[in-house]
């Protein structure tokens, strides 16, 4: 009770073992049980790293085309570190990434609509 786990990859979910039953319906939470029968709440999203993985692949292809291949681990690390740098434009220059590659119940999307706009 009061413990949980998270799985993050192309999709993501969190599961928390509950102290007591939920008092109201929450459609975003599935109720399941642990092997010992304790009630747990689980929330799942279909879209997590799929879009990031595609960007890393694109940057990797570009680096290779420039004659400087870069391994995926270095690309991920560089992107993550640069995203928290002090000089990052919080508005990303007016760019918006809408990374839903598949449908997403939590966002009310029956199917994916990846989009990148300025």
Protein backbone atom coordinates (compact mmCIF):
# COMPACT_ATOMS: atom_id res chain seq x y z
CA UNK A 1 0.00 0.00 0.00
CA UNK A 2 1.18 3.52 -0.96
CA UNK A 3 3.83 2.14 -3.28
CA UNK A 4 3.84 2.01 -7.03
CA UNK A 5 5.80 1.69 -10.22
CA UNK A 6 6.25 3.55 -13.47
CA UNK A 7 7.12 2.21 -16.90
CA UNK A 8 8.31 4.70 -19.50
CA UNK A 9 9.06 3.86 -23.11
CA UNK A 10 7.10 4.25 -26.33
CA UNK A 11 4.08 4.32 -24.02
CA UNK A 12 3.97 5.14 -20.32
CA UNK A 13 2.01 3.99 -17.31
CA UNK A 14 1.97 4.43 -13.56
CA UNK A 15 0.45 2.06 -11.05
CA UNK A 16 -0.12 2.93 -7.38
CA UNK A 17 -1.34 0.55 -4.68
CA UNK A 18 -4.26 2.35 -3.02
CA UNK A 19 -4.97 2.76 0.69
CA UNK A 20 -8.73 2.71 0.05
CA UNK A 21 -11.22 2.53 -2.80
CA UNK A 22 -11.68 5.61 -4.96
CA UNK A 23 -14.72 7.68 -3.93
CA UNK A 24 -15.68 8.64 -7.49
CA UNK A 25 -15.28 7.37 -11.04
CA UNK A 26 -12.08 8.50 -12.75
CA UNK A 27 -12.15 7.27 -16.38
CA UNK A 28 -8.41 7.89 -16.72
CA UNK A 29 -7.67 5.39 -13.93
CA UNK A 30 -8.07 1.63 -14.38
CA UNK A 31 -8.56 -0.32 -11.18
CA UNK A 32 -6.54 -3.52 -10.99
CA UNK A 33 -5.26 -5.70 -8.18
CA UNK A 34 -1.82 -6.79 -7.11
CA UNK A 35 -0.99 -10.51 -6.94
CA UNK A 36 -1.84 -10.36 -3.22
CA UNK A 37 -5.26 -8.82 -3.96
CA UNK A 38 -4.59 -5.16 -3.00
CA UNK A 39 -6.45 -2.56 -5.08
CA UNK A 40 -4.24 -0.49 -7.39
CA UNK A 41 -4.94 2.42 -9.71
CA UNK A 42 -3.25 2.40 -13.11
CA UNK A 43 -3.09 5.19 -15.68
CA UNK A 44 -1.68 4.59 -19.16
CA UNK A 45 -0.79 6.82 -22.10
CA UNK A 46 0.00 5.48 -25.58
CA UNK A 47 2.39 8.26 -26.56
CA UNK A 48 5.64 8.91 -24.74
CA UNK A 49 9.01 8.42 -26.46
CA UNK A 50 7.89 7.48 -29.99
CA UNK A 51 8.19 11.05 -31.23
CA UNK A 52 11.49 11.64 -29.42
CA UNK A 53 12.84 8.41 -30.91
CA UNK A 54 11.89 9.62 -34.40
CA UNK A 55 13.70 12.97 -33.85
CA UNK A 56 16.82 11.21 -32.58
CA UNK A 57 16.71 8.98 -35.67
CA UNK A 58 16.41 12.03 -37.94
CA UNK A 59 19.32 13.83 -36.25
CA UNK A 60 21.36 10.63 -36.46
CA UNK A 61 20.66 10.34 -40.20
CA UNK A 62 21.64 13.98 -40.69
CA UNK A 63 24.89 13.56 -38.74
CA UNK A 64 25.76 10.46 -40.81
CA UNK A 65 24.97 12.32 -44.06
CA UNK A 66 27.39 15.05 -42.91
CA UNK A 67 30.08 12.40 -42.46
CA UNK A 68 29.98 12.51 -38.64
CA UNK A 69 27.95 9.55 -37.40
CA UNK A 70 26.78 9.92 -33.79
CA UNK A 71 25.51 7.05 -31.66
CA UNK A 72 21.97 7.24 -30.30
CA UNK A 73 23.11 7.46 -26.66
CA UNK A 74 25.14 10.59 -27.40
CA UNK A 75 22.23 12.10 -29.34
CA UNK A 76 19.73 11.47 -26.52
CA UNK A 77 22.13 12.85 -23.89
CA UNK A 78 22.88 15.95 -25.96
CA UNK A 79 19.19 16.66 -26.56
CA UNK A 80 18.27 16.15 -22.89
CA UNK A 81 21.12 18.35 -21.62
CA UNK A 82 20.40 21.09 -24.14
CA UNK A 83 16.72 21.16 -23.14
CA UNK A 84 17.61 22.29 -19.62
CA UNK A 85 20.29 24.81 -20.57
CA UNK A 86 19.93 28.36 -19.25
CA UNK A 87 19.73 29.88 -22.72
CA UNK A 88 16.86 27.70 -24.02
CA UNK A 89 14.04 29.63 -25.70
CA UNK A 90 11.01 28.61 -23.62
CA UNK A 91 8.77 29.32 -26.63
CA UNK A 92 11.03 27.27 -28.98
CA UNK A 93 10.96 30.09 -31.53
CA UNK A 94 7.21 29.69 -31.95
CA UNK A 95 7.48 25.99 -32.88
CA UNK A 96 4.85 23.57 -31.65
CA UNK A 97 5.29 19.81 -31.65
CA UNK A 98 2.07 17.81 -31.32
CA UNK A 99 3.56 14.34 -30.87
CA UNK A 100 0.51 12.07 -30.90
CA UNK A 101 1.61 9.22 -33.18
CA UNK A 102 -1.28 7.06 -32.02
CA UNK A 103 -4.67 7.62 -30.45
CA UNK A 104 -4.71 8.86 -26.89
CA UNK A 105 -7.68 8.27 -24.59
CA UNK A 106 -6.39 10.75 -22.00
CA UNK A 107 -6.35 13.56 -24.59
CA UNK A 108 -9.60 12.53 -26.27
CA UNK A 109 -7.91 11.52 -29.54
CA UNK A 110 -9.30 8.42 -31.27
CA UNK A 111 -6.25 8.17 -33.55
CA UNK A 112 -2.82 9.68 -33.99
CA UNK A 113 -2.18 13.03 -35.63
CA UNK A 114 1.52 13.92 -35.34
CA UNK A 115 2.08 17.54 -36.29
CA UNK A 116 4.94 20.04 -36.20
CA UNK A 117 4.04 23.68 -36.87
CA UNK A 118 5.41 27.18 -36.68
